[in-house]
């Protein structure tokens, strides 16, 4: 199942020679595309960059900034609620 389907070039040659019909070529290409999509879906997870590389350093900075942003938004919401509730009482 891994690579038992003909390549697009092989399909083109078979089509020119009349060995297969256009519909058969379309079916083979559809099956190839489906297998490639499923392989990408269920394939191995993406590798993480090695420590000490520029990619690793850049990738690690996004999370703390994101958490700081979430904490700041929660703090502002809590402050606004406190102001609104203390003004009523």
Protein backbone atom coordinates (compact mmCIF):
# COMPACT_ATOMS: atom_id res chain seq x y z
CA UNK A 1 0.00 0.00 0.00
CA UNK A 2 2.83 2.52 0.58
CA UNK A 3 3.81 3.19 -3.05
CA UNK A 4 1.98 0.62 -5.14
CA UNK A 5 0.22 3.29 -7.23
CA UNK A 6 1.79 4.60 -10.44
CA UNK A 7 3.22 8.11 -10.46
CA UNK A 8 1.53 10.88 -12.46
CA UNK A 9 4.23 10.52 -15.12
CA UNK A 10 3.61 6.79 -15.43
CA UNK A 11 -0.13 7.41 -15.65
CA UNK A 12 0.46 9.94 -18.43
CA UNK A 13 2.52 7.44 -20.38
CA UNK A 14 -0.10 4.72 -19.93
CA UNK A 15 -2.79 7.14 -21.06
CA UNK A 16 -0.83 8.02 -24.20
CA UNK A 17 -0.30 4.35 -25.01
CA UNK A 18 -4.01 3.66 -24.44
CA UNK A 19 -3.40 1.15 -21.63
CA UNK A 20 -5.82 2.95 -19.31
CA UNK A 21 -8.75 5.31 -19.76
CA UNK A 22 -8.94 8.88 -18.52
CA UNK A 23 -11.45 7.81 -15.85
CA UNK A 24 -9.08 5.13 -14.55
CA UNK A 25 -6.26 7.66 -14.36
CA UNK A 26 -8.52 10.02 -12.40
CA UNK A 27 -9.42 7.21 -9.99
CA UNK A 28 -5.75 6.36 -9.42
CA UNK A 29 -4.85 10.02 -8.84
CA UNK A 30 -7.79 10.41 -6.43
CA UNK A 31 -6.65 7.36 -4.47
CA UNK A 32 -3.07 8.69 -4.40
CA UNK A 33 -4.26 12.08 -3.11
CA UNK A 34 -6.44 10.40 -0.47
CA UNK A 35 -3.53 8.27 0.77
CA UNK A 36 -1.20 11.26 0.91
CA UNK A 37 -3.78 13.26 2.86
CA UNK A 38 -4.33 10.44 5.34
CA UNK A 39 -0.58 9.91 5.70
CA UNK A 40 -0.22 13.59 6.57
CA UNK A 41 -3.08 13.36 9.03
CA UNK A 42 -1.97 10.23 10.83
CA UNK A 43 1.75 10.48 10.20
CA UNK A 44 4.41 11.07 12.83
CA UNK A 45 4.23 14.37 14.72
CA UNK A 46 6.34 17.27 13.58
CA UNK A 47 9.81 17.35 15.05
CA UNK A 48 10.77 20.08 17.45
CA UNK A 49 13.88 22.14 16.75
CA UNK A 50 17.07 21.13 18.55
CA UNK A 51 18.05 23.10 21.64
CA UNK A 52 20.35 25.99 21.04
CA UNK A 53 19.21 26.65 17.48
CA UNK A 54 17.66 29.92 16.35
CA UNK A 55 14.34 28.17 15.65
CA UNK A 56 14.21 26.72 19.14
CA UNK A 57 14.92 30.09 20.75
CA UNK A 58 12.28 31.87 18.68
CA UNK A 59 9.67 29.18 19.24
CA UNK A 60 9.95 29.24 23.00
CA UNK A 61 9.22 32.93 23.48
CA UNK A 62 5.62 32.89 22.25
CA UNK A 63 4.10 30.97 25.15
CA UNK A 64 5.17 33.19 28.04
CA UNK A 65 3.99 36.27 26.14
CA UNK A 66 0.67 34.60 25.48
CA UNK A 67 0.25 33.72 29.16
CA UNK A 68 1.17 37.24 30.22
CA UNK A 69 -1.51 38.56 27.87
CA UNK A 70 -4.13 36.20 29.29
CA UNK A 71 -3.23 37.14 32.87
CA UNK A 72 -3.39 40.85 32.03
CA UNK A 73 -6.84 40.49 30.46
CA UNK A 74 -8.09 38.53 33.48
CA UNK A 75 -6.66 41.18 35.82
CA UNK A 76 -8.43 43.98 33.93
CA UNK A 77 -11.73 42.06 33.99
CA UNK A 78 -11.36 41.41 37.73
CA UNK A 79 -10.55 45.09 38.37
CA UNK A 80 -13.58 46.23 36.38
CA UNK A 81 -15.84 43.79 38.24
CA UNK A 82 -14.46 44.97 41.59
CA UNK A 83 -15.05 48.63 40.65
CA UNK A 84 -18.59 47.92 39.45
CA UNK A 85 -19.52 45.84 42.49
CA UNK A 86 -18.01 48.28 45.00
CA UNK A 87 -19.84 51.22 43.37
CA UNK A 88 -23.20 49.48 43.86
CA UNK A 89 -22.72 48.80 47.55
